[in-house]
Amino acid sequence: MAVLAMLATLLSPQSAAADNTADFPLRPIRLVIGAPPCGETDTLARLVAEYIGEDLGQPVIVDYKPGAATNFAAEAVARSEPDGYTILLGGRANITHRTMYPWIKYDYARDLMPLGLVGTVPPILVAGMHTPINGMQDLVRMAQERPGELTCGSVGSGSSSHLICEILMELLGVELRHVPYRGSAAALTNMIGGRIDVQITAPAAALPYIRAGKLRPLVILGPVRLPTLPEVPALPEVGIPGDDYRLWFGLLAPTGTPAQVVERLNQSINTALQNPKMVETMVQIGVDPATGPNSPAEFKKLIVSEITLWTGVVRKHSVRPVDLAGEWGEDGESGADGGN
């Protein structure tokens, strides 16, 4: 009877779950992103998947769920089983969801659990070659001479590129006309074609066009210059208040994920970020790898502070999606390239 009782305990669902947690992971992991294939977010996601999968000993498969500025993906993960086998590559675009999209039925801070920061991306402000804008002084002068005529493209209403444009207009005392697009590729194409004047975008998206002489870089919207664009000044050098509008990317899991699983996934993130090959590739695509203490608790502090800051910006400037049906379209691509 004692032996049978012991076997029953070992075979119980609770015991099996404990063993599965201790041995995590036992099967492939799904990494969900709110972007389509071939964009900057996809490039980073596949890189993260490769190196954390190597450490975990299981394949990590990228799953694409674009739409609503990456919030369809975040909601899908928030509603998934909290077992560590479905995780999210999230970013700043997610944190304004309750302000921007009241119809979304999840709460980013409540329903998702931070695992660890992956990296940050300082955006870059670029101008079209059809304009005579060679620097920030030219932009300010022209915008003051022609209020509301110069256009500022973004990857969608409420995206980081849009919100930063609103902040810059306030700081510089100028008025630009915001033009939202379905992702950075469409915005950059239109800028090269002379349809928009300036745009805030990820360096990786703009770099090929800058090197080809099709776009003119104005300023790095971060505290320091970029190794890939050493000739472009950073914010403190051009006299603009505020020195850091960096985007961020990190991994999150559904709330309720066992602590042991969270710890293992955080460990895999930090192990991957210590791999010189991964770090080198991240730098090449314009992403600064996370450094220093990179615990779930530290990542949560960042998210809380970002929610306070950027939801305040959304409310202050009354930012709303222009037209959910028209702006997102069936492909749901808005805000996808770069995820922010």
Protein backbone atom coordinates (compact mmCIF):
# COMPACT_ATOMS: atom_id res chain seq x y z
CA MET A 1 0.00 0.00 0.00
CA ALA A 2 2.87 2.37 0.81
CA VAL A 3 4.43 1.71 -2.57
CA LEU A 4 1.11 2.29 -4.35
CA ALA A 5 0.63 5.56 -2.47
CA MET A 6 4.10 6.72 -3.51
CA LEU A 7 3.39 5.82 -7.15
CA ALA A 8 0.09 7.69 -7.05
CA THR A 9 1.90 10.76 -5.80
CA LEU A 10 4.54 10.52 -8.49
CA LEU A 11 1.94 10.12 -11.21
CA SER A 12 -0.38 12.87 -10.01
CA PRO A 13 -0.88 15.95 -12.25
CA GLN A 14 0.63 18.22 -9.60
CA SER A 15 3.76 16.12 -9.36
CA ALA A 16 4.07 15.90 -13.13
CA ALA A 17 3.71 19.67 -13.40
CA ALA A 18 6.46 20.16 -10.82
CA ASP A 19 8.76 17.81 -12.72
CA ASN A 20 7.99 19.60 -15.98
CA THR A 21 8.81 22.93 -14.38
CA ALA A 22 12.08 21.62 -13.01
CA ASP A 23 13.04 20.22 -16.41
CA PHE A 24 11.86 23.25 -18.42
CA PRO A 25 11.90 23.39 -21.37
CA LEU A 26 10.81 20.00 -22.65
CA ARG A 27 9.53 21.13 -26.06
CA PRO A 28 9.92 24.03 -28.52
CA ILE A 29 9.07 27.57 -27.38
CA ARG A 30 6.98 30.02 -29.39
CA LEU A 31 8.29 33.61 -29.56
CA VAL A 32 5.44 35.89 -30.67
CA ILE A 33 6.12 39.25 -32.31
CA GLY A 34 3.70 41.93 -33.47
CA ALA A 35 5.38 42.38 -36.83
CA PRO A 36 5.42 40.67 -40.23
CA PRO A 37 8.49 38.83 -41.55
CA CYS A 38 11.50 40.69 -42.97
CA GLY A 39 11.28 43.85 -40.82
CA GLU A 40 13.68 45.07 -38.12
CA THR A 41 11.68 43.42 -35.34
CA ASP A 42 11.77 40.10 -37.18
CA THR A 43 15.55 40.35 -37.57
CA LEU A 44 15.99 40.91 -33.84
CA ALA A 45 13.44 38.21 -32.95
CA ARG A 46 15.20 35.57 -35.05
CA LEU A 47 18.52 36.52 -33.50
CA VAL A 48 17.09 36.23 -29.97
CA ALA A 49 15.38 32.95 -30.86
CA GLU A 50 18.63 31.46 -32.14
CA TYR A 51 20.74 32.26 -29.11
CA ILE A 52 18.27 31.66 -26.27
CA GLY A 53 17.26 28.45 -28.02
CA GLU A 54 20.89 27.41 -28.04
CA ASP A 55 21.11 27.96 -24.29
CA LEU A 56 17.73 26.33 -23.53
CA GLY A 57 18.41 23.29 -25.69
CA GLN A 58 15.09 23.63 -27.51
CA PRO A 59 14.06 25.35 -30.75
CA VAL A 60 12.52 28.80 -30.33
CA ILE A 61 10.09 29.46 -33.18
CA VAL A 62 9.14 33.01 -34.20
CA ASP A 63 5.38 33.45 -34.58
CA TYR A 64 4.10 36.54 -36.43
CA LYS A 65 0.92 38.28 -35.21
CA PRO A 66 1.00 41.83 -36.59
CA GLY A 67 -1.73 44.36 -35.92
CA ALA A 68 -2.78 47.29 -33.71
CA ALA A 69 0.80 48.52 -33.28
CA THR A 70 1.94 45.09 -31.99
CA ASN A 71 -0.87 44.76 -29.45
CA PHE A 72 -2.58 41.80 -31.13
CA ALA A 73 0.58 39.82 -30.40
CA ALA A 74 0.77 41.02 -26.81
CA GLU A 75 -2.86 40.13 -26.16
CA ALA A 76 -2.39 36.66 -27.69
CA VAL A 77 0.51 35.96 -25.32
CA ALA A 78 -1.32 37.42 -22.32
CA ARG A 79 -4.18 34.98 -22.99
CA SER A 80 -1.95 31.93 -23.53
CA GLU A 81 -1.11 29.18 -21.04
CA PRO A 82 1.32 30.53 -18.41
CA ASP A 83 3.84 27.72 -18.79
CA GLY A 84 6.78 29.51 -20.44
CA TYR A 85 6.23 27.95 -23.86
CA THR A 86 4.66 31.11 -25.33
CA ILE A 87 6.58 34.35 -24.85
CA LEU A 88 6.49 37.84 -26.34
CA LEU A 89 9.10 40.15 -27.79
CA GLY A 90 7.50 43.38 -26.59
CA GLY A 91 8.34 47.05 -26.86
CA ARG A 92 7.22 50.58 -26.14
CA ALA A 93 4.27 50.44 -28.55
CA ASN A 94 2.52 48.03 -26.18
CA ILE A 95 2.48 50.31 -23.16
CA THR A 96 0.05 52.89 -24.58
CA HIS A 97 -2.52 50.26 -25.54
CA ARG A 98 -5.13 51.13 -22.90
CA THR A 99 -4.95 54.81 -23.82
CA MET A 100 -4.80 54.34 -27.58
CA TYR A 101 -7.06 51.29 -27.99
CA PRO A 102 -9.71 51.05 -25.24
CA TRP A 103 -11.28 48.09 -27.06
CA ILE A 104 -8.22 45.91 -26.40
CA LYS A 105 -9.10 43.48 -23.62
CA TYR A 106 -5.77 42.92 -21.89
CA ASP A 107 -3.61 44.97 -19.57
CA TYR A 108 0.10 45.02 -20.40
CA ALA A 109 1.25 45.66 -16.83
CA ARG A 110 -1.17 43.19 -15.23
CA ASP A 111 -1.38 40.30 -17.72
CA LEU A 112 2.25 40.03 -18.81
CA MET A 113 5.27 39.19 -16.68
CA PRO A 114 8.68 40.71 -17.56
CA LEU A 115 11.46 38.20 -18.21
CA GLY A 116 14.32 40.47 -19.19
CA LEU A 117 15.39 43.38 -21.37
CA VAL A 118 17.00 42.47 -24.70
CA GLY A 119 18.20 45.82 -25.99
CA THR A 120 17.49 49.43 -26.87
CA VAL A 121 17.38 51.30 -30.18
CA PRO A 122 18.04 55.03 -30.48
CA PRO A 123 15.80 56.35 -33.29
CA ILE A 124 17.19 58.59 -36.00
CA LEU A 125 15.63 61.67 -37.58
CA VAL A 126 16.16 61.70 -41.34
CA ALA A 127 15.22 64.13 -44.11
CA GLY A 128 14.41 63.53 -47.75
CA MET A 129 16.97 64.53 -50.36
CA HIS A 130 14.27 66.64 -52.06
CA THR A 131 14.45 69.08 -49.15
CA PRO A 132 17.21 71.62 -48.40
CA ILE A 133 17.27 70.38 -44.78
CA ASN A 134 20.90 69.61 -43.90
CA GLY A 135 20.64 69.83 -40.11
CA MET A 136 18.39 70.66 -37.19
CA GLN A 137 18.86 74.41 -37.65
CA ASP A 138 17.53 74.14 -41.21
CA LEU A 139 14.56 72.10 -40.03
CA VAL A 140 13.64 74.59 -37.30
CA ARG A 141 14.04 77.59 -39.60
CA MET A 142 11.95 76.08 -42.40
CA ALA A 143 9.25 74.88 -40.01
CA GLN A 144 9.00 78.35 -38.47
CA GLU A 145 8.78 79.95 -41.90
CA ARG A 146 6.15 77.47 -43.12
CA PRO A 147 4.08 76.35 -40.10
CA GLY A 148 2.27 73.07 -40.72
CA GLU A 149 3.63 72.62 -44.24
CA LEU A 150 6.60 70.33 -43.58
CA THR A 151 5.55 66.71 -43.04
CA CYS A 152 6.76 64.20 -40.44
CA GLY A 153 6.18 60.54 -41.31
CA SER A 154 5.69 57.78 -38.76
CA VAL A 155 4.91 54.06 -38.63
CA GLY A 156 1.40 54.76 -37.36
CA SER A 157 -0.62 57.01 -35.08
CA GLY A 158 0.48 56.45 -31.49
CA SER A 159 3.73 54.76 -32.49
CA SER A 160 6.94 55.92 -30.83
CA SER A 161 7.98 57.69 -34.03
CA HIS A 162 4.73 59.67 -33.89
CA LEU A 163 4.97 60.47 -30.18
CA ILE A 164 8.61 61.56 -30.45
CA CYS A 165 7.64 63.81 -33.36
CA GLU A 166 4.99 65.43 -31.13
CA ILE A 167 7.57 65.96 -28.36
CA LEU A 168 10.12 67.47 -30.75
CA MET A 169 7.54 69.88 -32.14
CA GLU A 170 6.78 71.06 -28.61
CA LEU A 171 10.45 71.36 -27.63
CA LEU A 172 11.45 73.19 -30.81
CA GLY A 173 8.36 75.38 -30.95
CA VAL A 174 7.45 74.35 -34.49
CA GLU A 175 4.49 72.74 -36.23
CA LEU A 176 4.88 69.75 -38.55
CA ARG A 177 2.09 67.83 -40.26
CA HIS A 178 2.01 64.20 -39.10
CA VAL A 179 1.59 61.54 -41.80
CA PRO A 180 1.10 57.95 -40.53
CA TYR A 181 2.07 54.90 -42.60
CA ARG A 182 1.75 51.12 -42.32
CA GLY A 183 5.30 50.47 -41.22
CA SER A 184 8.68 52.10 -41.85
CA ALA A 185 9.17 50.60 -45.31
CA ALA A 186 6.18 52.47 -46.74
CA ALA A 187 7.17 55.72 -45.01
CA LEU A 188 10.78 55.52 -46.19
CA THR A 189 9.69 54.75 -49.75
CA ASN A 190 7.43 57.80 -49.76
CA MET A 191 10.20 59.98 -48.32
CA ILE A 192 12.61 58.87 -51.03
CA GLY A 193 9.88 59.67 -53.53
CA GLY A 194 9.56 63.20 -52.14
CA ARG A 195 6.13 62.82 -50.55
CA ILE A 196 7.19 63.44 -46.92
CA ASP A 197 9.97 65.67 -45.60
CA VAL A 198 11.29 64.14 -42.36
CA GLN A 199 10.80 60.88 -40.51
CA ILE A 200 11.80 59.27 -37.22
CA THR A 201 12.80 55.66 -37.75
CA ALA A 202 15.10 52.87 -36.63
CA PRO A 203 18.73 53.25 -37.78
CA ALA A 204 18.71 49.78 -39.34
CA ALA A 205 15.81 50.76 -41.60
CA ALA A 206 17.39 54.03 -42.74
CA LEU A 207 21.04 53.00 -42.96
CA PRO A 208 20.99 51.43 -46.46
CA TYR A 209 19.27 54.53 -47.89
CA ILE A 210 21.64 56.89 -46.07
CA ARG A 211 24.65 55.05 -47.47
CA ALA A 212 23.09 55.10 -50.94
CA GLY A 213 22.64 58.88 -50.72
CA LYS A 214 18.85 58.68 -50.77
CA LEU A 215 18.22 60.01 -47.25
CA ARG A 216 19.97 62.67 -45.17
CA PRO A 217 20.55 61.91 -41.45
CA LEU A 218 19.93 64.83 -39.09
CA VAL A 219 20.31 63.60 -35.50
CA ILE A 220 20.48 60.44 -33.39
CA LEU A 221 17.66 60.66 -30.84
CA GLY A 222 19.79 59.24 -28.05
CA PRO A 223 22.59 60.31 -25.72
CA VAL A 224 25.56 59.27 -27.91
CA ARG A 225 26.51 58.81 -31.54
CA LEU A 226 26.14 55.41 -33.22
CA PRO A 227 29.14 53.32 -34.32
CA THR A 228 27.37 52.64 -37.63
CA LEU A 229 26.78 56.40 -38.23
CA PRO A 230 29.68 58.12 -36.45
CA GLU A 231 29.26 61.34 -38.44
CA VAL A 232 25.68 61.96 -37.22
CA PRO A 233 25.36 64.05 -34.03
CA ALA A 234 23.43 62.87 -30.98
CA LEU A 235 20.76 64.95 -29.23
CA PRO A 236 22.99 66.70 -26.66
CA GLU A 237 25.18 68.00 -29.50
CA VAL A 238 22.39 69.87 -31.28
CA GLY A 239 21.01 71.65 -28.22
CA ILE A 240 17.66 69.86 -27.98
CA PRO A 241 16.40 69.37 -24.39
CA GLY A 242 16.13 65.74 -23.33
CA ASP A 243 18.76 63.27 -24.36
CA ASP A 244 17.17 59.86 -24.57
CA TYR A 245 14.21 58.65 -26.61
CA ARG A 246 15.55 55.15 -27.09
CA LEU A 247 13.11 52.40 -27.97
CA TRP A 248 13.41 49.12 -26.08
CA PHE A 249 12.73 45.45 -26.67
CA GLY A 250 12.30 42.76 -24.04
CA LEU A 251 10.83 39.33 -23.45
CA LEU A 252 7.63 38.79 -21.46
CA ALA A 253 5.49 35.80 -20.48
CA PRO A 254 1.88 35.47 -19.32
CA THR A 255 1.30 36.41 -15.71
CA GLY A 256 1.22 33.26 -13.57
CA THR A 257 4.24 31.67 -15.24
CA PRO A 258 6.06 29.64 -12.54
CA ALA A 259 8.95 31.46 -10.85
CA GLN A 260 11.37 28.67 -11.76
CA VAL A 261 10.48 29.03 -15.44
CA VAL A 262 10.82 32.82 -15.29
CA GLU A 263 14.25 32.43 -13.69
CA ARG A 264 15.37 29.96 -16.38
CA LEU A 265 14.20 32.21 -19.23
CA ASN A 266 15.88 35.24 -17.67
CA GLN A 267 19.06 33.21 -17.37
CA SER A 268 18.90 32.29 -21.05
CA ILE A 269 18.45 35.96 -22.04
CA ASN A 270 21.50 37.03 -20.08
CA THR A 271 23.57 34.11 -21.33
CA ALA A 272 22.69 35.02 -24.92
CA LEU A 273 23.61 38.67 -24.31
CA GLN A 274 27.07 37.58 -23.22
CA ASN A 275 27.69 35.79 -26.51
CA PRO A 276 30.12 37.95 -28.58
CA LYS A 277 28.54 36.84 -31.88
CA MET A 278 25.07 37.89 -30.78
CA VAL A 279 26.34 41.21 -29.42
CA GLU A 280 28.21 41.94 -32.65
CA THR A 281 25.14 41.20 -34.78
CA MET A 282 22.90 43.35 -32.56
CA VAL A 283 25.28 46.30 -32.92
CA GLN A 284 25.32 45.82 -36.70
CA ILE A 285 21.52 46.09 -36.86
CA GLY A 286 21.47 49.16 -34.61
CA VAL A 287 20.42 47.57 -31.32
CA ASP A 288 22.35 48.26 -28.10
CA PRO A 289 22.43 45.01 -26.08
CA ALA A 290 21.10 45.24 -22.52
CA THR A 291 23.84 45.50 -19.90
CA GLY A 292 24.09 45.69 -16.14
CA PRO A 293 21.50 44.13 -13.82
CA ASN A 294 18.95 42.52 -16.12
CA SER A 295 16.47 40.86 -13.84
CA PRO A 296 12.70 40.65 -14.31
CA ALA A 297 12.36 43.18 -11.47
CA GLU A 298 14.64 45.71 -13.19
CA PHE A 299 12.78 45.28 -16.47
CA LYS A 300 9.47 45.80 -14.65
CA LYS A 301 10.75 49.13 -13.26
CA LEU A 302 11.49 50.26 -16.82
CA ILE A 303 8.02 49.27 -18.02
CA VAL A 304 6.27 51.06 -15.15
CA SER A 305 8.22 54.27 -15.75
CA GLU A 306 7.58 54.07 -19.52
CA ILE A 307 3.84 53.59 -19.01
CA THR A 308 3.71 56.75 -16.90
CA LEU A 309 5.76 58.80 -19.37
CA TRP A 310 4.24 57.79 -22.69
CA THR A 311 0.61 57.47 -21.74
CA GLY A 312 1.00 61.03 -20.46
CA VAL A 313 2.30 62.09 -23.89
CA VAL A 314 -0.63 60.36 -25.62
CA ARG A 315 -3.18 62.11 -23.41
CA LYS A 316 -1.47 65.50 -23.60
CA HIS A 317 -1.44 65.51 -27.40
CA SER A 318 -4.81 63.73 -27.76
CA VAL A 319 -3.24 61.04 -29.95
CA ARG A 320 -5.70 58.57 -31.45
CA PRO A 321 -5.60 56.13 -34.36
CA VAL A 322 -6.72 58.05 -37.44
CA ASP A 323 -8.86 55.23 -38.81
CA LEU A 324 -8.49 51.71 -37.49
CA ALA A 325 -9.88 50.11 -40.64
CA GLY A 326 -7.99 52.37 -43.03
CA GLU A 327 -4.75 52.87 -41.17
CA TRP A 328 -4.07 49.29 -40.12
CA GLY A 329 -5.48 47.60 -43.20
CA GLU A 330 -5.99 43.87 -43.49
CA ASP A 331 -2.28 43.17 -43.09
CA GLY A 332 -2.24 44.94 -39.71
CA GLU A 333 1.23 46.24 -40.51
CA SER A 334 1.12 49.62 -38.85
CA GLY A 335 3.97 50.09 -36.41
CA ALA A 336 5.30 46.66 -37.28
CA ASP A 337 8.69 47.55 -38.68
CA GLY A 338 10.58 48.21 -35.50
CA GLY A 339 7.61 47.27 -33.37
CA ASN A 340 7.47 50.70 -31.82
